[in-house]
Amino acid sequence: MKPLLNILTVIIALFHVYILILEIFLWDKPRGLKVFNQTLDKAITSKGLAANQSLYNGFLAAGLFLSLFLGSAGMSIKVYVLVCILIAGLYGCVTVSHRVIFIQTVPAAVALILIWVSQNPFQIG
């Protein structure tokens, strides 16, 4: 279970690095315009806001990567960051797009379920 959880953690962290790159470096470039379905004028106007917002994605990724190297303390960090991602995904689903639930919320929820199951909450005997 732990290897699967670690792989999922890396995938989620890399996704947040990807979002950081999109929002900081590619926001007003063709790829960023396409991903976020916006015009160049709107992107230019909101570039600073997007870059600031994206720092949080970097912090989430850093927390997940860090959690992989801290043993049992890392598990607490991983749970905290995954809950933050889950909540942000739910908010994004309501305020931005329903797609967010599949690309952000569901992976975090699956990782949290794997953590919960790995703790053997219903182990008998």
Protein backbone atom coordinates (compact mmCIF):
# COMPACT_ATOMS: atom_id res chain seq x y z
CA MET A 1 0.00 0.00 0.00
CA LYS A 2 2.82 2.39 0.87
CA PRO A 3 4.49 2.24 -2.60
CA LEU A 4 1.15 2.97 -4.27
CA LEU A 5 0.55 5.88 -1.90
CA ASN A 6 4.04 7.26 -2.58
CA ILE A 7 3.53 7.02 -6.35
CA LEU A 8 0.18 8.80 -6.07
CA THR A 9 1.79 11.45 -3.84
CA VAL A 10 4.48 12.12 -6.44
CA ILE A 11 1.88 12.32 -9.22
CA ILE A 12 -0.21 14.81 -7.25
CA ALA A 13 2.90 16.87 -6.38
CA LEU A 14 4.00 16.90 -10.03
CA PHE A 15 0.53 18.02 -11.08
CA HIS A 16 0.85 21.01 -8.75
CA VAL A 17 4.30 21.80 -10.16
CA TYR A 18 2.71 21.71 -13.62
CA ILE A 19 0.01 24.16 -12.51
CA LEU A 20 2.72 26.39 -11.03
CA ILE A 21 4.54 26.42 -14.38
CA LEU A 22 1.33 27.15 -16.26
CA GLU A 23 0.28 29.99 -13.99
CA ILE A 24 3.68 31.64 -13.51
CA PHE A 25 5.48 31.10 -16.80
CA LEU A 26 2.82 30.18 -19.38
CA TRP A 27 -0.19 32.18 -18.21
CA ASP A 28 -0.18 34.53 -21.22
CA LYS A 29 1.34 32.03 -23.67
CA PRO A 30 -0.70 29.84 -26.04
CA ARG A 31 -0.61 26.80 -23.72
CA GLY A 32 -1.78 28.81 -20.69
CA LEU A 33 -4.47 30.57 -22.69
CA LYS A 34 -5.79 27.22 -23.92
CA VAL A 35 -5.70 25.45 -20.55
CA PHE A 36 -7.44 28.29 -18.73
CA ASN A 37 -9.71 29.18 -21.67
CA GLN A 38 -8.98 32.89 -21.63
CA THR A 39 -8.06 35.72 -23.96
CA LEU A 40 -4.61 37.27 -24.18
CA ASP A 41 -5.93 40.61 -22.90
CA LYS A 42 -7.47 38.97 -19.85
CA ALA A 43 -4.29 36.97 -19.24
CA ILE A 44 -2.06 40.03 -19.42
CA THR A 45 -4.31 41.86 -16.97
CA SER A 46 -4.36 38.99 -14.48
CA LYS A 47 -0.77 37.72 -14.86
CA GLY A 48 0.43 38.99 -11.47
CA LEU A 49 -2.58 37.57 -9.70
CA ALA A 50 -2.09 34.17 -11.36
CA ALA A 51 1.60 34.09 -10.43
CA ASN A 52 0.81 34.89 -6.79
CA GLN A 53 -1.97 32.31 -6.72
CA SER A 54 0.35 29.73 -8.21
CA LEU A 55 2.87 30.02 -5.41
CA TYR A 56 0.37 28.09 -3.31
CA ASN A 57 0.53 25.21 -5.78
CA GLY A 58 4.30 25.25 -5.30
CA PHE A 59 3.90 25.13 -1.53
CA LEU A 60 1.52 22.18 -1.82
CA ALA A 61 3.95 20.32 -4.08
CA ALA A 62 6.85 21.07 -1.74
CA GLY A 63 4.85 19.77 1.23
CA LEU A 64 4.04 16.53 -0.58
CA PHE A 65 7.64 16.00 -1.69
CA LEU A 66 8.85 16.76 1.84
CA SER A 67 6.37 14.28 3.30
CA LEU A 68 8.06 11.47 1.40
CA PHE A 69 11.34 11.98 3.28
CA LEU A 70 10.22 12.55 6.87
CA GLY A 71 9.14 9.11 8.01
CA SER A 72 6.16 9.07 10.37
CA ALA A 73 6.18 12.87 10.70
CA GLY A 74 5.85 13.01 6.93
CA MET A 75 2.52 11.21 7.10
CA SER A 76 1.00 14.04 9.14
CA ILE A 77 2.29 16.58 6.64
CA LYS A 78 0.98 14.48 3.74
CA VAL A 79 -2.50 14.26 5.28
CA TYR A 80 -2.57 18.00 5.97
CA VAL A 81 -1.50 18.92 2.43
CA LEU A 82 -3.90 16.43 0.83
CA VAL A 83 -6.79 17.80 2.89
CA CYS A 84 -5.82 21.33 1.75
CA ILE A 85 -5.78 20.13 -1.87
CA LEU A 86 -9.14 18.39 -1.44
CA ILE A 87 -10.74 21.53 0.01
CA ALA A 88 -9.21 23.76 -2.66
CA GLY A 89 -10.44 21.34 -5.32
CA LEU A 90 -13.98 21.41 -3.97
CA TYR A 91 -13.91 25.21 -3.92
CA GLY A 92 -12.49 25.26 -7.46
CA CYS A 93 -15.22 22.91 -8.60
CA VAL A 94 -17.85 25.34 -7.37
CA THR A 95 -16.15 28.57 -8.46
CA VAL A 96 -14.09 27.69 -11.55
CA SER A 97 -15.07 24.47 -13.30
CA HIS A 98 -16.58 21.10 -12.52
CA ARG A 99 -13.49 19.52 -14.15
CA VAL A 100 -11.49 20.50 -11.08
CA ILE A 101 -13.16 17.76 -9.07
CA PHE A 102 -11.62 15.12 -11.34
CA ILE A 103 -8.15 16.60 -11.74
CA GLN A 104 -7.58 17.86 -8.21
CA THR A 105 -10.15 16.64 -5.69
CA VAL A 106 -10.44 12.97 -6.67
CA PRO A 107 -6.67 12.21 -6.62
CA ALA A 108 -6.35 13.84 -3.19
CA ALA A 109 -9.38 11.92 -1.92
CA VAL A 110 -7.99 8.63 -3.25
CA ALA A 111 -4.65 9.29 -1.53
CA LEU A 112 -6.43 10.09 1.74
CA ILE A 113 -8.47 6.88 1.45
CA LEU A 114 -5.25 4.91 0.86
CA ILE A 115 -3.77 6.46 3.99
CA TRP A 116 -6.87 5.63 5.98
CA VAL A 117 -6.99 2.03 4.70
CA SER A 118 -3.27 1.57 5.35
CA GLN A 119 -3.91 2.41 9.01
CA ASN A 120 -6.13 -0.71 9.19
CA PRO A 121 -9.18 0.96 10.77
CA PHE A 122 -11.28 -2.22 10.60
CA GLN A 123 -8.61 -4.83 11.17
CA ILE A 124 -10.09 -7.79 13.02
CA GLY A 125 -7.98 -10.03 15.18
